[in-house]
Amino acid sequence: MLTSIRGKSVIVTGGSKGIGRGIARVFAAQGARIMIAARGKEASEAVLAELRGMGATAEAVACDVADWESVQAMVKATEAAFGGVDILCANAGIFPQAKMVDLDPGEWDRVMATNLKSAFLTVKACIPYFEKAGKGRVILTSSITGPVTGYPGWTHYGASKAGQLGFLKTASMELARYNTTINAVMPGNIVTEGLEGLGQAYLDTMAASIPLKRLGAVEDIGNAALFFASDEAGYITGQQIIVDGGQILPESLEAIASI
């Protein structure tokens, strides 16, 4: 059991749904104090009710993670609520699907701002609080899409997620002076509201292509993030872990059929 999480102050961006909601639940179950940062007030209120029903201390703040002033306000709100910031789970992300021939350049910029620029902004805003505390933890939610795999319609998403890993490598060196680690979790296909919107045929096809024969749960990502956030992982930084049920491993569909 990772006991070092209890009482820690944790920001989860994009925490009102999907993987972010799962991360929040996992940390709350370990006794962390959770700040949900999201745009949607109604969805955030639902998560707050869920977390508080678990006995957790939780608050929510509206935040546009692509806007510097909004991000700074989010971090200040967390300090006001919990006395500081110990852990940042930079999870916010969007993945609208459009092939390049149809992709509006403005949509490319929106994805980059939400997925990649936000990682820089949120980490930057937390640095003074990590310095004050003498330690900190940052966990990025990246993806296998972009760094490892590709999928038509997600050039912008894949580029943003690969960019997060490029950011991670140098950020880990710069954050070391604050005794702060930064690592990334790279999900495969995880069952979320967004993924369910792609249709049951897509879900069934993807599950069939995974050696474990099932899609992941949001808690699978939360558990990996929990490890990176723990004292037990204090000597790990600038690294990434793939959580995909073995999805990227088969050379072909024939390899899956022979299992």
Protein backbone atom coordinates (compact mmCIF):
# COMPACT_ATOMS: atom_id res chain seq x y z
CA MET A 1 0.00 0.00 0.00
CA LEU A 2 1.32 3.42 -0.95
CA THR A 3 0.86 5.18 2.37
CA SER A 4 2.71 8.36 1.41
CA ILE A 5 -0.33 9.79 -0.42
CA ARG A 6 -2.54 10.37 2.65
CA GLY A 7 -3.18 14.04 3.31
CA LYS A 8 -1.42 15.22 0.15
CA SER A 9 -2.92 18.01 -1.93
CA VAL A 10 -3.62 16.84 -5.48
CA ILE A 11 -4.73 18.82 -8.52
CA VAL A 12 -6.41 16.77 -11.26
CA THR A 13 -6.98 18.75 -14.44
CA GLY A 14 -9.75 17.44 -16.62
CA GLY A 15 -10.93 15.72 -13.47
CA SER A 16 -14.67 15.95 -14.07
CA LYS A 17 -14.90 12.91 -16.35
CA GLY A 18 -13.09 10.00 -17.96
CA ILE A 19 -9.55 9.20 -16.94
CA GLY A 20 -9.35 12.32 -14.78
CA ARG A 21 -12.34 11.22 -12.76
CA GLY A 22 -10.76 7.79 -12.34
CA ILE A 23 -7.47 9.33 -11.18
CA ALA A 24 -9.36 11.45 -8.66
CA ARG A 25 -11.16 8.41 -7.26
CA VAL A 26 -7.96 6.42 -6.89
CA PHE A 27 -6.15 9.24 -5.06
CA ALA A 28 -9.18 9.96 -2.89
CA ALA A 29 -9.31 6.31 -1.82
CA GLN A 30 -5.75 6.72 -0.52
CA GLY A 31 -6.67 9.71 1.62
CA ALA A 32 -5.49 12.54 -0.64
CA ARG A 33 -7.22 15.91 -0.78
CA ILE A 34 -8.47 16.50 -4.31
CA MET A 35 -8.90 19.67 -6.35
CA ILE A 36 -10.92 18.99 -9.48
CA ALA A 37 -10.07 21.44 -12.24
CA ALA A 38 -12.43 21.46 -15.21
CA ARG A 39 -14.54 23.73 -17.34
CA GLY A 40 -17.90 22.11 -16.68
CA LYS A 41 -19.43 23.08 -13.32
CA GLU A 42 -22.20 20.46 -13.44
CA ALA A 43 -19.83 17.59 -14.13
CA SER A 44 -17.43 18.82 -11.44
CA GLU A 45 -20.23 18.94 -8.89
CA ALA A 46 -21.09 15.32 -9.67
CA VAL A 47 -17.50 14.25 -9.08
CA LEU A 48 -17.34 16.24 -5.84
CA ALA A 49 -20.44 14.48 -4.57
CA GLU A 50 -18.90 11.13 -5.45
CA LEU A 51 -15.57 11.88 -3.78
CA ARG A 52 -17.15 13.35 -0.67
CA GLY A 53 -19.40 10.31 -0.51
CA MET A 54 -16.18 8.28 -0.22
CA GLY A 55 -15.24 10.41 2.79
CA ALA A 56 -12.65 12.39 0.85
CA THR A 57 -11.82 16.07 1.15
CA ALA A 58 -12.48 17.55 -2.28
CA GLU A 59 -13.05 20.90 -3.96
CA ALA A 60 -13.50 22.07 -7.53
CA VAL A 61 -12.37 25.07 -9.53
CA ALA A 62 -13.28 26.21 -13.03
CA CYS A 63 -10.19 26.39 -15.21
CA ASP A 64 -9.19 26.85 -18.83
CA VAL A 65 -5.91 24.94 -18.82
CA ALA A 66 -4.75 26.72 -21.99
CA ASP A 67 -4.99 30.15 -20.34
CA TRP A 68 -2.14 31.30 -18.09
CA GLU A 69 -4.23 33.52 -15.81
CA SER A 70 -6.83 30.80 -15.36
CA VAL A 71 -4.16 28.23 -14.51
CA GLN A 72 -2.56 30.54 -11.95
CA ALA A 73 -5.96 31.11 -10.35
CA MET A 74 -6.50 27.34 -10.18
CA VAL A 75 -3.25 26.80 -8.31
CA LYS A 76 -3.91 29.70 -5.94
CA ALA A 77 -7.36 28.27 -5.22
CA THR A 78 -5.75 24.95 -4.35
CA GLU A 79 -3.34 26.63 -1.95
CA ALA A 80 -6.22 28.50 -0.34
CA ALA A 81 -8.20 25.29 0.11
CA PHE A 82 -5.43 22.91 1.16
CA GLY A 83 -2.45 25.03 2.14
CA GLY A 84 -0.30 24.12 -0.84
CA VAL A 85 0.16 21.84 -3.83
CA ASP A 86 1.92 18.47 -3.48
CA ILE A 87 0.91 16.60 -6.64
CA LEU A 88 -0.17 17.75 -10.09
CA CYS A 89 -1.96 15.30 -12.36
CA ALA A 90 -1.91 17.15 -15.69
CA ASN A 91 -4.59 15.11 -17.34
CA ALA A 92 -6.76 17.55 -19.32
CA GLY A 93 -7.03 16.69 -22.99
CA ILE A 94 -9.30 16.59 -26.01
CA PHE A 95 -9.29 14.32 -29.05
CA PRO A 96 -11.63 15.54 -31.80
CA GLN A 97 -11.26 13.33 -34.85
CA ALA A 98 -10.60 14.78 -38.31
CA LYS A 99 -8.31 13.67 -41.11
CA MET A 100 -5.76 16.22 -42.31
CA VAL A 101 -7.60 16.99 -45.52
CA ASP A 102 -10.59 18.15 -43.44
CA LEU A 103 -8.75 19.46 -40.38
CA ASP A 104 -9.14 23.17 -39.76
CA PRO A 105 -5.85 24.79 -38.68
CA GLY A 106 -7.65 26.44 -35.81
CA GLU A 107 -8.68 23.02 -34.50
CA TRP A 108 -5.03 21.94 -34.61
CA ASP A 109 -4.14 24.95 -32.45
CA ARG A 110 -6.97 24.19 -30.01
CA VAL A 111 -5.78 20.62 -29.50
CA MET A 112 -2.18 21.74 -29.03
CA ALA A 113 -3.21 24.38 -26.51
CA THR A 114 -5.42 22.05 -24.49
CA ASN A 115 -3.17 18.99 -24.54
CA LEU A 116 0.40 20.30 -24.79
CA LYS A 117 0.57 23.96 -23.83
CA SER A 118 -1.48 23.16 -20.73
CA ALA A 119 1.21 20.76 -19.51
CA PHE A 120 3.75 23.59 -19.57
CA LEU A 121 1.39 26.11 -17.99
CA THR A 122 0.20 23.91 -15.14
CA VAL A 123 3.69 22.68 -14.26
CA LYS A 124 5.09 26.23 -14.38
CA ALA A 125 2.32 27.50 -12.10
CA CYS A 126 3.04 24.79 -9.51
CA ILE A 127 6.81 25.31 -9.31
CA PRO A 128 6.71 27.97 -6.54
CA TYR A 129 4.58 25.66 -4.41
CA PHE A 130 6.86 22.67 -4.97
CA GLU A 131 9.83 24.85 -4.06
CA LYS A 132 8.13 26.02 -0.87
CA ALA A 133 7.23 22.46 0.12
CA GLY A 134 10.70 21.14 -0.72
CA LYS A 135 9.30 18.41 -2.98
CA GLY A 136 6.63 17.71 -5.55
CA ARG A 137 5.21 15.24 -8.02
CA VAL A 138 3.91 15.75 -11.55
CA ILE A 139 2.16 13.09 -13.60
CA LEU A 140 1.24 13.74 -17.22
CA THR A 141 -1.47 11.79 -19.00
CA SER A 142 0.04 11.15 -22.43
CA SER A 143 -1.05 8.32 -24.77
CA ILE A 144 0.25 5.49 -26.91
CA THR A 145 -1.24 7.42 -29.85
CA GLY A 146 1.49 9.65 -31.18
CA PRO A 147 4.54 8.44 -29.25
CA VAL A 148 4.10 4.79 -30.30
CA THR A 149 1.10 4.28 -32.58
CA GLY A 150 -0.94 6.24 -35.08
CA TYR A 151 -4.62 6.41 -36.00
CA PRO A 152 -6.20 8.25 -38.95
CA GLY A 153 -7.92 11.42 -37.83
CA TRP A 154 -5.66 12.07 -34.86
CA THR A 155 -2.58 13.77 -36.31
CA HIS A 156 -3.12 16.74 -34.00
CA TYR A 157 -3.83 14.58 -30.95
CA GLY A 158 -0.88 12.29 -31.64
CA ALA A 159 1.47 15.23 -32.13
CA SER A 160 0.34 16.79 -28.86
CA LYS A 161 0.86 13.57 -26.90
CA ALA A 162 4.29 12.97 -28.40
CA GLY A 163 5.09 16.58 -27.57
CA GLN A 164 4.27 15.94 -23.92
CA LEU A 165 7.03 13.35 -23.77
CA GLY A 166 9.49 15.76 -25.35
CA PHE A 167 8.54 18.33 -22.73
CA LEU A 168 8.88 15.69 -20.01
CA LYS A 169 12.56 14.95 -20.65
CA THR A 170 13.90 18.45 -20.11
CA ALA A 171 11.27 19.36 -17.52
CA SER A 172 12.51 16.47 -15.37
CA MET A 173 15.97 18.05 -15.26
CA GLU A 174 14.68 21.53 -14.50
CA LEU A 175 12.33 20.30 -11.77
CA ALA A 176 15.04 18.27 -10.05
CA ARG A 177 16.36 21.37 -8.27
CA TYR A 178 12.99 21.56 -6.49
CA ASN A 179 13.17 17.88 -5.49
CA THR A 180 10.24 17.32 -7.84
CA THR A 181 9.73 14.39 -10.19
CA ILE A 182 7.72 14.35 -13.40
CA ASN A 183 6.62 11.20 -15.22
CA ALA A 184 3.97 10.21 -17.73
CA VAL A 185 1.33 7.52 -18.03
CA MET A 186 0.56 6.44 -21.60
CA PRO A 187 -2.91 4.89 -21.79
CA GLY A 188 -4.06 2.57 -24.50
CA ASN A 189 -7.79 2.20 -25.08
CA ILE A 190 -9.53 3.00 -21.82
CA VAL A 191 -13.29 2.88 -21.35
CA THR A 192 -14.45 6.49 -20.94
CA GLU A 193 -17.38 8.59 -22.06
CA GLY A 194 -15.34 9.77 -25.03
CA LEU A 195 -14.35 6.29 -26.14
CA GLU A 196 -17.87 4.98 -25.75
CA GLY A 197 -18.95 7.71 -28.16
CA LEU A 198 -16.95 6.01 -30.92
CA GLY A 199 -19.47 3.18 -30.97
CA GLN A 200 -19.72 -0.42 -29.83
CA ALA A 201 -18.21 -1.79 -33.05
CA TYR A 202 -15.05 0.23 -32.38
CA LEU A 203 -14.92 -0.97 -28.77
CA ASP A 204 -15.31 -4.61 -29.78
CA THR A 205 -12.67 -4.34 -32.51
CA MET A 206 -10.17 -2.71 -30.17
CA ALA A 207 -10.75 -5.24 -27.40
CA ALA A 208 -10.13 -8.06 -29.88
CA SER A 209 -6.75 -6.54 -30.81
CA ILE A 210 -5.50 -6.44 -27.21
CA PRO A 211 -3.71 -9.50 -25.79
CA LEU A 212 -5.63 -9.22 -22.51
CA LYS A 213 -8.84 -9.18 -24.61
CA ARG A 214 -10.38 -6.23 -22.84
CA LEU A 215 -10.23 -2.47 -22.73
CA GLY A 216 -8.72 -0.76 -19.72
CA ALA A 217 -10.53 0.92 -16.86
CA VAL A 218 -9.88 4.48 -15.75
CA GLU A 219 -8.63 3.10 -12.44
CA ASP A 220 -5.82 1.32 -14.31
CA ILE A 221 -4.44 4.73 -15.24
CA GLY A 222 -5.14 6.11 -11.78
CA ASN A 223 -3.13 3.33 -10.17
CA ALA A 224 -0.12 4.03 -12.38
CA ALA A 225 -0.36 7.73 -11.58
CA LEU A 226 -0.63 6.88 -7.89
CA PHE A 227 2.66 5.00 -8.00
CA PHE A 228 4.47 7.86 -9.72
CA ALA A 229 3.08 10.24 -7.08
CA SER A 230 4.26 8.16 -4.14
CA ASP A 231 7.37 8.47 -2.00
CA GLU A 232 8.16 4.94 -3.12
CA ALA A 233 8.71 6.27 -6.66
CA GLY A 234 10.88 9.15 -5.50
CA TYR A 235 13.92 8.09 -7.56
CA ILE A 236 12.00 7.85 -10.84
CA THR A 237 11.76 10.93 -13.05
CA GLY A 238 11.56 11.76 -16.74
CA GLN A 239 10.06 8.35 -17.49
CA GLN A 240 6.87 7.01 -19.01
CA ILE A 241 4.89 3.82 -18.57
CA ILE A 242 2.53 2.28 -21.11
CA VAL A 243 -0.74 0.97 -19.67
CA ASP A 244 -2.49 -0.75 -22.55
CA GLY A 245 -3.08 -4.44 -21.83
CA GLY A 246 -0.32 -5.30 -24.29
CA GLN A 247 -2.01 -3.51 -27.20
CA ILE A 248 1.20 -2.31 -28.90
CA LEU A 249 2.96 -5.69 -28.74
CA PRO A 250 1.45 -7.97 -31.46
CA GLU A 251 3.09 -7.82 -34.88
CA SER A 252 -0.20 -8.67 -36.61
CA LEU A 253 -3.77 -9.88 -36.11
CA GLU A 254 -2.42 -13.37 -36.71
CA ALA A 255 -0.28 -12.99 -33.60
CA ILE A 256 -3.40 -12.22 -31.58
CA ALA A 257 -5.28 -15.17 -33.10
CA SER A 258 -2.54 -17.56 -32.03
CA ILE A 259 -2.79 -16.69 -28.33
